[in-house]
N, C-alpha and C. Protein backbone atom coordinates (compact mmCIF):
# COMPACT_ATOMS: atom_id res chain seq x y z
N MET A 1 -64.07 187.35 217.89
CA MET A 1 -65.05 186.57 218.78
C MET A 1 -66.47 186.89 218.23
N THR A 2 -67.20 185.92 218.03
CA THR A 2 -68.51 186.02 217.70
C THR A 2 -69.67 185.64 218.84
N ALA A 3 -70.71 186.35 218.79
CA ALA A 3 -71.71 185.92 219.80
C ALA A 3 -72.47 184.61 219.37
N LYS A 4 -72.88 183.97 220.49
CA LYS A 4 -73.74 182.81 220.21
C LYS A 4 -75.18 183.14 220.04
N HIS A 5 -75.52 183.15 218.83
CA HIS A 5 -77.09 183.60 218.56
C HIS A 5 -77.68 182.50 217.74
N THR A 6 -79.04 182.56 217.81
CA THR A 6 -79.75 181.53 217.04
C THR A 6 -79.36 181.64 215.66
N PRO A 7 -78.92 180.65 215.05
CA PRO A 7 -78.64 180.65 213.57
C PRO A 7 -79.73 181.06 212.71
N GLY A 8 -79.23 181.82 211.65
CA GLY A 8 -80.31 182.13 210.57
C GLY A 8 -80.65 181.04 209.63
N PRO A 9 -81.44 181.18 208.85
CA PRO A 9 -82.15 182.44 208.43
C PRO A 9 -83.26 182.55 209.48
N TRP A 10 -83.57 183.77 209.67
CA TRP A 10 -84.69 184.28 210.45
C TRP A 10 -85.90 184.94 209.56
N TYR A 11 -87.11 184.74 209.78
CA TYR A 11 -88.09 185.08 208.98
C TYR A 11 -89.23 185.76 209.77
N THR A 12 -90.03 186.45 209.21
CA THR A 12 -91.34 187.12 209.82
C THR A 12 -92.41 186.06 209.64
N ASP A 13 -93.34 185.97 210.63
CA ASP A 13 -94.48 185.24 210.67
C ASP A 13 -95.70 186.17 210.96
N ILE A 14 -96.56 186.50 210.02
CA ILE A 14 -97.44 187.49 210.22
C ILE A 14 -98.87 186.78 210.27
N SER A 15 -99.66 187.33 211.44
CA SER A 15 -101.03 186.76 211.67
C SER A 15 -101.81 188.08 211.89
N ASP A 16 -103.19 187.84 212.10
CA ASP A 16 -104.17 188.93 212.44
C ASP A 16 -103.69 189.53 213.80
N ALA A 17 -103.19 188.73 214.66
CA ALA A 17 -103.02 189.30 216.09
C ALA A 17 -101.75 189.71 216.35
N MET A 18 -100.67 189.30 215.55
CA MET A 18 -99.26 189.78 215.71
C MET A 18 -98.35 189.42 214.71
N ILE A 19 -97.07 189.94 214.72
CA ILE A 19 -95.97 189.71 213.94
C ILE A 19 -94.89 189.03 214.77
N ALA A 20 -94.28 187.91 214.44
CA ALA A 20 -93.33 187.31 215.33
C ALA A 20 -92.05 187.18 214.24
N VAL A 21 -90.86 187.32 214.81
CA VAL A 21 -89.67 186.96 214.01
C VAL A 21 -89.28 185.58 214.57
N ARG A 22 -89.15 184.69 213.61
CA ARG A 22 -88.73 183.27 214.15
C ARG A 22 -87.51 182.86 213.27
N ALA A 23 -86.98 181.78 213.99
CA ALA A 23 -85.77 181.11 213.40
C ALA A 23 -86.07 179.52 213.45
N ARG A 24 -85.69 179.03 212.28
CA ARG A 24 -85.89 177.48 212.22
C ARG A 24 -84.37 177.07 212.21
N HIS A 25 -84.10 176.05 213.15
CA HIS A 25 -82.80 175.44 213.15
C HIS A 25 -82.87 174.00 213.53
N GLU A 26 -81.89 173.23 213.25
CA GLU A 26 -81.68 171.98 213.61
C GLU A 26 -81.65 171.86 215.11
N GLU A 27 -82.42 171.00 215.81
CA GLU A 27 -82.40 170.74 217.26
C GLU A 27 -81.33 169.93 217.51
N ARG A 28 -80.28 170.22 218.30
CA ARG A 28 -79.13 169.39 218.50
C ARG A 28 -79.38 168.53 219.82
N ASP A 29 -79.87 169.17 220.86
CA ASP A 29 -80.11 168.40 222.09
C ASP A 29 -80.94 167.23 222.14
N TYR A 30 -81.94 167.13 221.31
CA TYR A 30 -83.01 166.22 221.42
C TYR A 30 -82.92 165.27 220.21
N GLY A 31 -81.73 165.01 219.51
CA GLY A 31 -81.61 164.10 218.44
C GLY A 31 -82.25 164.39 217.28
N GLY A 32 -82.31 165.56 216.70
CA GLY A 32 -82.85 165.86 215.28
C GLY A 32 -84.10 166.54 215.48
N GLY A 33 -84.58 166.92 214.30
CA GLY A 33 -85.94 167.58 214.12
C GLY A 33 -85.68 169.04 213.96
N LEU A 34 -86.75 169.87 213.92
CA LEU A 34 -86.65 171.19 213.69
C LEU A 34 -87.45 171.91 214.84
N THR A 35 -86.75 172.90 215.19
CA THR A 35 -87.19 173.79 216.39
C THR A 35 -87.46 175.19 215.79
N VAL A 36 -88.51 175.75 216.30
CA VAL A 36 -88.78 177.23 215.84
C VAL A 36 -88.46 178.07 217.16
N ALA A 37 -87.58 179.07 217.08
CA ALA A 37 -87.32 179.90 218.15
C ALA A 37 -87.99 181.11 217.86
N ILE A 38 -88.85 181.59 218.79
CA ILE A 38 -89.49 183.00 218.72
C ILE A 38 -88.50 184.02 219.13
N LEU A 39 -88.04 184.98 218.18
CA LEU A 39 -86.99 185.90 218.61
C LEU A 39 -87.60 187.28 218.91
N GLY A 40 -88.79 187.49 218.65
CA GLY A 40 -89.43 188.76 218.93
C GLY A 40 -90.80 188.76 218.46
N GLN A 41 -91.73 189.50 219.10
CA GLN A 41 -93.18 189.52 218.82
C GLN A 41 -93.51 190.95 219.01
N PHE A 42 -94.40 191.21 217.92
CA PHE A 42 -94.97 192.71 217.80
C PHE A 42 -96.48 192.45 217.79
N MET A 43 -97.04 193.24 218.82
CA MET A 43 -98.49 193.15 219.03
C MET A 43 -99.34 194.09 218.08
N GLU A 44 -98.66 194.89 217.29
CA GLU A 44 -99.44 195.80 216.38
C GLU A 44 -99.07 195.55 214.99
N PRO A 45 -99.61 194.35 214.41
CA PRO A 45 -99.10 193.91 213.21
C PRO A 45 -99.48 194.84 211.87
N GLY A 46 -100.53 195.62 212.15
CA GLY A 46 -100.98 196.50 211.01
C GLY A 46 -100.19 197.78 210.63
N THR A 47 -99.19 198.08 211.51
CA THR A 47 -98.51 199.38 211.24
C THR A 47 -97.33 199.05 210.36
N ASP A 48 -96.90 200.15 209.56
CA ASP A 48 -95.73 199.94 208.63
C ASP A 48 -94.48 199.92 209.62
N GLU A 49 -94.49 200.74 210.78
CA GLU A 49 -93.27 200.63 211.54
C GLU A 49 -92.88 199.15 212.14
N THR A 50 -94.13 198.48 212.57
CA THR A 50 -94.09 197.17 213.03
C THR A 50 -93.42 196.18 211.94
N HIS A 51 -94.02 196.24 210.67
CA HIS A 51 -93.49 195.53 209.54
C HIS A 51 -91.96 195.77 209.49
N ALA A 52 -91.66 196.96 209.38
CA ALA A 52 -90.19 197.45 209.19
C ALA A 52 -89.38 196.82 210.23
N ASN A 53 -89.67 196.94 211.52
CA ASN A 53 -88.91 196.46 212.63
C ASN A 53 -88.77 194.92 212.56
N ALA A 54 -89.82 194.25 212.15
CA ALA A 54 -89.79 192.73 212.08
C ALA A 54 -88.84 192.38 210.94
N ARG A 55 -88.99 193.10 209.72
CA ARG A 55 -88.03 192.69 208.69
C ARG A 55 -86.46 193.09 208.94
N LEU A 56 -86.24 194.12 209.75
CA LEU A 56 -85.00 194.53 210.19
C LEU A 56 -84.38 193.37 211.04
N ILE A 57 -85.13 192.97 212.11
CA ILE A 57 -84.66 191.80 212.95
C ILE A 57 -84.48 190.57 212.32
N ALA A 58 -85.33 190.19 211.25
CA ALA A 58 -85.23 189.14 210.59
C ALA A 58 -84.04 189.08 209.69
N ALA A 59 -83.56 190.20 209.15
CA ALA A 59 -82.34 190.38 208.42
C ALA A 59 -81.17 190.33 209.28
N ALA A 60 -81.19 190.47 210.60
CA ALA A 60 -79.97 190.72 211.39
C ALA A 60 -78.93 189.69 211.20
N PRO A 61 -79.08 188.34 211.13
CA PRO A 61 -77.91 187.52 210.92
C PRO A 61 -77.18 187.78 209.70
N GLU A 62 -77.88 187.98 208.56
CA GLU A 62 -77.25 188.25 207.25
C GLU A 62 -76.52 189.59 207.25
N LEU A 63 -77.17 190.58 207.98
CA LEU A 63 -76.52 192.02 208.05
C LEU A 63 -75.21 191.81 208.83
N LEU A 64 -75.20 191.14 210.05
CA LEU A 64 -74.03 191.03 210.69
C LEU A 64 -72.90 190.33 209.92
N ALA A 65 -73.24 189.21 209.19
CA ALA A 65 -72.29 188.39 208.46
C ALA A 65 -71.64 189.20 207.37
N ALA A 66 -72.60 190.01 206.60
CA ALA A 66 -72.05 190.89 205.54
C ALA A 66 -71.18 191.93 206.03
N LEU A 67 -71.53 192.62 207.03
CA LEU A 67 -70.62 193.64 207.69
C LEU A 67 -69.24 193.07 208.13
N GLN A 68 -69.39 191.86 208.68
CA GLN A 68 -68.06 191.23 209.25
C GLN A 68 -67.18 190.88 208.07
N ASN A 69 -67.79 190.43 206.94
CA ASN A 69 -67.03 190.05 205.78
C ASN A 69 -66.43 191.32 205.16
N LEU A 70 -67.21 192.44 205.16
CA LEU A 70 -66.71 193.59 204.42
C LEU A 70 -65.61 194.17 205.20
N VAL A 71 -65.73 194.34 206.54
CA VAL A 71 -64.66 194.82 207.51
C VAL A 71 -63.46 194.05 207.38
N ALA A 72 -63.52 192.70 207.39
CA ALA A 72 -62.35 191.83 207.24
C ALA A 72 -61.58 192.02 205.87
N ASP A 73 -62.38 192.28 204.81
CA ASP A 73 -61.76 192.60 203.52
C ASP A 73 -61.00 193.88 203.54
N PHE A 74 -61.53 194.87 204.11
CA PHE A 74 -61.00 196.25 204.24
C PHE A 74 -59.86 196.24 205.22
N ASP A 75 -59.96 195.34 206.31
CA ASP A 75 -58.86 195.40 207.20
C ASP A 75 -57.39 194.74 206.62
N LYS A 76 -57.65 194.25 205.45
CA LYS A 76 -56.31 193.59 204.67
C LYS A 76 -55.76 194.74 203.94
N SER A 77 -56.51 195.90 203.90
CA SER A 77 -55.77 196.95 203.07
C SER A 77 -55.25 197.97 203.94
N VAL A 78 -54.70 199.10 203.53
CA VAL A 78 -54.06 199.95 204.26
C VAL A 78 -54.91 201.09 204.90
N ILE A 79 -56.37 201.08 204.47
CA ILE A 79 -57.20 202.10 204.97
C ILE A 79 -58.11 201.64 205.99
N THR A 80 -57.48 201.33 207.37
CA THR A 80 -58.21 200.69 208.34
C THR A 80 -58.73 201.73 209.35
N THR A 81 -58.40 202.95 209.13
CA THR A 81 -58.77 203.98 210.21
C THR A 81 -59.90 204.88 209.71
N ASP A 82 -60.48 204.51 208.57
CA ASP A 82 -61.55 205.27 207.85
C ASP A 82 -62.63 205.24 208.97
N PRO A 83 -63.33 206.48 209.11
CA PRO A 83 -64.50 206.72 210.07
C PRO A 83 -65.61 205.66 209.80
N MET A 84 -65.83 205.26 208.58
CA MET A 84 -66.97 204.32 208.31
C MET A 84 -66.52 202.91 208.88
N LEU A 85 -65.26 202.46 208.79
CA LEU A 85 -64.79 201.27 209.22
C LEU A 85 -64.88 201.28 210.79
N ILE A 86 -64.50 202.41 211.43
CA ILE A 86 -64.67 202.40 212.82
C ILE A 86 -66.08 202.34 213.36
N GLU A 87 -67.04 203.02 212.75
CA GLU A 87 -68.47 202.80 212.82
C GLU A 87 -68.85 201.34 212.70
N ALA A 88 -68.35 200.71 211.66
CA ALA A 88 -68.77 199.35 211.41
C ALA A 88 -68.35 198.43 212.42
N ARG A 89 -66.94 198.62 212.90
CA ARG A 89 -66.44 197.82 213.97
C ARG A 89 -67.25 197.95 215.17
N ALA A 90 -67.76 199.25 215.48
CA ALA A 90 -68.50 199.45 216.68
C ALA A 90 -69.73 198.68 216.61
N ALA A 91 -70.33 198.67 215.49
CA ALA A 91 -71.71 198.11 215.42
C ALA A 91 -71.49 196.52 215.39
N ILE A 92 -70.42 195.97 214.95
CA ILE A 92 -70.15 194.60 215.15
C ILE A 92 -69.95 194.17 216.53
N ALA A 93 -69.18 195.08 217.27
CA ALA A 93 -68.85 194.87 218.67
C ALA A 93 -70.15 194.87 219.48
N LYS A 94 -71.05 195.88 219.11
CA LYS A 94 -72.35 195.90 219.91
C LYS A 94 -73.19 194.64 219.73
N ALA A 95 -73.13 194.13 218.47
CA ALA A 95 -73.93 192.86 218.04
C ALA A 95 -73.22 191.75 218.66
N THR A 96 -72.04 191.66 218.85
CA THR A 96 -71.38 190.47 219.44
C THR A 96 -70.91 190.48 220.83
N ALA A 97 -71.30 191.59 221.52
CA ALA A 97 -70.73 191.61 222.97
C ALA A 97 -71.43 190.55 223.83
N LYS A 98 -70.72 190.10 224.74
CA LYS A 98 -71.27 189.25 225.61
C LYS A 98 -72.24 189.87 226.62
N GLU A 99 -71.90 191.08 227.02
CA GLU A 99 -72.80 191.88 227.87
C GLU A 99 -73.74 192.69 227.12
N PRO A 100 -74.98 192.95 227.57
CA PRO A 100 -75.94 193.92 226.70
C PRO A 100 -75.30 195.22 226.75
N THR A 101 -75.42 196.02 225.66
CA THR A 101 -74.91 197.43 225.55
C THR A 101 -76.22 198.44 225.56
N PRO A 102 -76.03 199.52 226.21
CA PRO A 102 -77.11 200.39 226.19
C PRO A 102 -77.43 201.06 224.91
């Protein structure tokens, strides 16, 4: 089961006042057009940590898809109890859970 999240690609939008992580997607409810969803805002755009956080969030859809594909390929083999695969499945579960996880 996958979570219903705003489809990627996501990108960072940097201004003097803030960094925002945004997504562009087709608007389905209003008959077409382009909608921009703001997925996160950081009010300290000048710090390396803020830029790194924004890039990580913007990469989230691609990271999740890549990890899901990797685990699916390994699950076809006989090495399905590898500790790294267990960690990967836990990360996927956390990202796709219906309820927030601590």
